[in-house]
């Protein structure tokens, strides 16, 4: 995958994670899980889900993103998430 696509995906995940209200961790009934999924990112960036998934997994391997397994699989930007959790 080209670097510019990877950077675009990374920027999108970072934006989504930095906009995450800390209250989501305290009251999970309002948490929109699908917003942090591969399908949501792919749709919003108008990219193929398989390409986005590959890039997201590479960013997880590079320890830039955190992957939460389940259905759906969720992705968070590690540094942004750390800042949010420190504020709780």
C-alpha atoms as a PDB file:
ATOM      1  CA  UNK A   1       0.000   0.000   0.000  1.00  0.00           C
ATOM      2  CA  UNK A   2       1.265   3.428  -0.870  1.00  0.00           C
ATOM      3  CA  UNK A   3       2.484   5.623   1.959  1.00  0.00           C
ATOM      4  CA  UNK A   4       0.010   8.397   1.172  1.00  0.00           C
ATOM      5  CA  UNK A   5      -2.926   5.979   1.630  1.00  0.00           C
ATOM      6  CA  UNK A   6      -1.442   4.717   4.884  1.00  0.00           C
ATOM      7  CA  UNK A   7      -1.011   8.275   6.125  1.00  0.00           C
ATOM      8  CA  UNK A   8      -4.572   9.153   5.143  1.00  0.00           C
ATOM      9  CA  UNK A   9      -5.895   6.148   7.083  1.00  0.00           C
ATOM     10  CA  UNK A  10      -3.666   6.909  10.067  1.00  0.00           C
ATOM     11  CA  UNK A  11      -4.850  10.529  10.116  1.00  0.00           C
ATOM     12  CA  UNK A  12      -8.468   9.363  10.071  1.00  0.00           C
ATOM     13  CA  UNK A  13      -7.962   6.966  12.993  1.00  0.00           C
ATOM     14  CA  UNK A  14      -6.058   9.630  14.930  1.00  0.00           C
ATOM     15  CA  UNK A  15      -8.888  12.125  14.347  1.00  0.00           C
ATOM     16  CA  UNK A  16     -11.525   9.616  15.455  1.00  0.00           C
ATOM     17  CA  UNK A  17      -9.579   8.673  18.568  1.00  0.00           C
ATOM     18  CA  UNK A  18      -8.713  12.236  19.580  1.00  0.00           C
ATOM     19  CA  UNK A  19     -12.408  13.200  19.269  1.00  0.00           C
ATOM     20  CA  UNK A  20     -13.372  10.332  21.569  1.00  0.00           C
ATOM     21  CA  UNK A  21     -15.082  11.696  24.690  1.00  0.00           C
ATOM     22  CA  UNK A  22     -13.677  10.200  27.871  1.00  0.00           C
ATOM     23  CA  UNK A  23     -17.268   9.589  28.989  1.00  0.00           C
ATOM     24  CA  UNK A  24     -17.466   6.757  26.447  1.00  0.00           C
ATOM     25  CA  UNK A  25     -15.206   4.737  28.691  1.00  0.00           C
ATOM     26  CA  UNK A  26     -17.367   5.472  31.700  1.00  0.00           C
ATOM     27  CA  UNK A  27     -20.787   4.889  30.076  1.00  0.00           C
ATOM     28  CA  UNK A  28     -20.410   2.347  27.280  1.00  0.00           C
ATOM     29  CA  UNK A  29     -24.131   2.222  26.341  1.00  0.00           C
ATOM     30  CA  UNK A  30     -23.589   5.340  24.200  1.00  0.00           C
ATOM     31  CA  UNK A  31     -20.388   4.088  22.586  1.00  0.00           C
ATOM     32  CA  UNK A  32     -20.621   3.860  18.781  1.00  0.00           C
ATOM     33  CA  UNK A  33     -18.451   0.812  18.152  1.00  0.00           C
ATOM     34  CA  UNK A  34     -18.913   0.825  14.386  1.00  0.00           C
ATOM     35  CA  UNK A  35     -17.299   4.294  14.084  1.00  0.00           C
ATOM     36  CA  UNK A  36     -13.915   2.726  14.915  1.00  0.00           C
ATOM     37  CA  UNK A  37     -14.237  -0.243  12.544  1.00  0.00           C
ATOM     38  CA  UNK A  38     -12.555  -0.990   9.239  1.00  0.00           C
ATOM     39  CA  UNK A  39     -15.822  -0.696   7.318  1.00  0.00           C
ATOM     40  CA  UNK A  40     -16.570   2.774   8.696  1.00  0.00           C
ATOM     41  CA  UNK A  41     -13.076   4.068   7.909  1.00  0.00           C
ATOM     42  CA  UNK A  42     -13.176   2.548   4.416  1.00  0.00           C
ATOM     43  CA  UNK A  43     -16.601   4.030   3.684  1.00  0.00           C
ATOM     44  CA  UNK A  44     -15.682   7.495   4.944  1.00  0.00           C
ATOM     45  CA  UNK A  45     -12.431   7.532   2.962  1.00  0.00           C
ATOM     46  CA  UNK A  46     -14.075   5.963  -0.097  1.00  0.00           C
ATOM     47  CA  UNK A  47     -11.538   3.109  -0.142  1.00  0.00           C
ATOM     48  CA  UNK A  48     -11.808  -0.662  -0.401  1.00  0.00           C
ATOM     49  CA  UNK A  49     -12.272  -2.373   2.946  1.00  0.00           C
ATOM     50  CA  UNK A  50      -9.567  -4.961   2.228  1.00  0.00           C
ATOM     51  CA  UNK A  51      -6.968  -2.260   1.527  1.00  0.00           C
ATOM     52  CA  UNK A  52      -7.903  -0.338   4.667  1.00  0.00           C
ATOM     53  CA  UNK A  53      -7.803  -3.529   6.737  1.00  0.00           C
ATOM     54  CA  UNK A  54      -4.327  -4.392   5.474  1.00  0.00           C
ATOM     55  CA  UNK A  55      -3.043  -0.911   6.257  1.00  0.00           C
ATOM     56  CA  UNK A  56      -4.649  -0.859   9.715  1.00  0.00           C
ATOM     57  CA  UNK A  57      -3.029  -4.176  10.577  1.00  0.00           C
ATOM     58  CA  UNK A  58       0.358  -2.894   9.412  1.00  0.00           C
ATOM     59  CA  UNK A  59      -0.062   0.142  11.661  1.00  0.00           C
ATOM     60  CA  UNK A  60      -0.892  -2.199  14.555  1.00  0.00           C
ATOM     61  CA  UNK A  61       2.280  -4.196  13.825  1.00  0.00           C
ATOM     62  CA  UNK A  62       4.227  -0.915  13.865  1.00  0.00           C
ATOM     63  CA  UNK A  63       2.685  -0.220  17.318  1.00  0.00           C
ATOM     64  CA  UNK A  64       1.036   2.998  16.154  1.00  0.00           C
ATOM     65  CA  UNK A  65      -2.525   1.728  16.498  1.00  0.00           C
ATOM     66  CA  UNK A  66      -4.244  -0.477  19.058  1.00  0.00           C
ATOM     67  CA  UNK A  67      -6.500  -3.251  17.781  1.00  0.00           C
ATOM     68  CA  UNK A  68      -9.420  -4.462  19.887  1.00  0.00           C
ATOM     69  CA  UNK A  69     -10.584  -7.840  18.647  1.00  0.00           C
ATOM     70  CA  UNK A  70     -14.236  -8.780  18.551  1.00  0.00           C
ATOM     71  CA  UNK A  71     -17.094  -7.984  16.223  1.00  0.00           C
ATOM     72  CA  UNK A  72     -16.480  -5.461  14.882  1.00  0.00           C
ATOM     73  CA  UNK A  73     -12.723  -5.172  15.272  1.00  0.00           C
ATOM     74  CA  UNK A  74     -11.892  -1.686  16.545  1.00  0.00           C
ATOM     75  CA  UNK A  75      -8.824   0.476  15.929  1.00  0.00           C
ATOM     76  CA  UNK A  76      -7.561   3.358  18.046  1.00  0.00           C
ATOM     77  CA  UNK A  77      -4.553   5.641  17.743  1.00  0.00           C
ATOM     78  CA  UNK A  78      -2.268   4.640  20.599  1.00  0.00           C
ATOM     79  CA  UNK A  79      -0.921   8.079  21.585  1.00  0.00           C
ATOM     80  CA  UNK A  80      -4.314   9.769  21.351  1.00  0.00           C
ATOM     81  CA  UNK A  81      -5.961   7.051  23.397  1.00  0.00           C
ATOM     82  CA  UNK A  82      -3.260   7.293  26.038  1.00  0.00           C
ATOM     83  CA  UNK A  83      -3.913  11.053  26.401  1.00  0.00           C
ATOM     84  CA  UNK A  84      -7.640  10.432  26.852  1.00  0.00           C
ATOM     85  CA  UNK A  85      -7.156   7.693  29.421  1.00  0.00           C
ATOM     86  CA  UNK A  86      -4.759   9.827  31.469  1.00  0.00           C
ATOM     87  CA  UNK A  87      -7.521  12.480  31.791  1.00  0.00           C
ATOM     88  CA  UNK A  88     -10.023  10.004  33.289  1.00  0.00           C
END
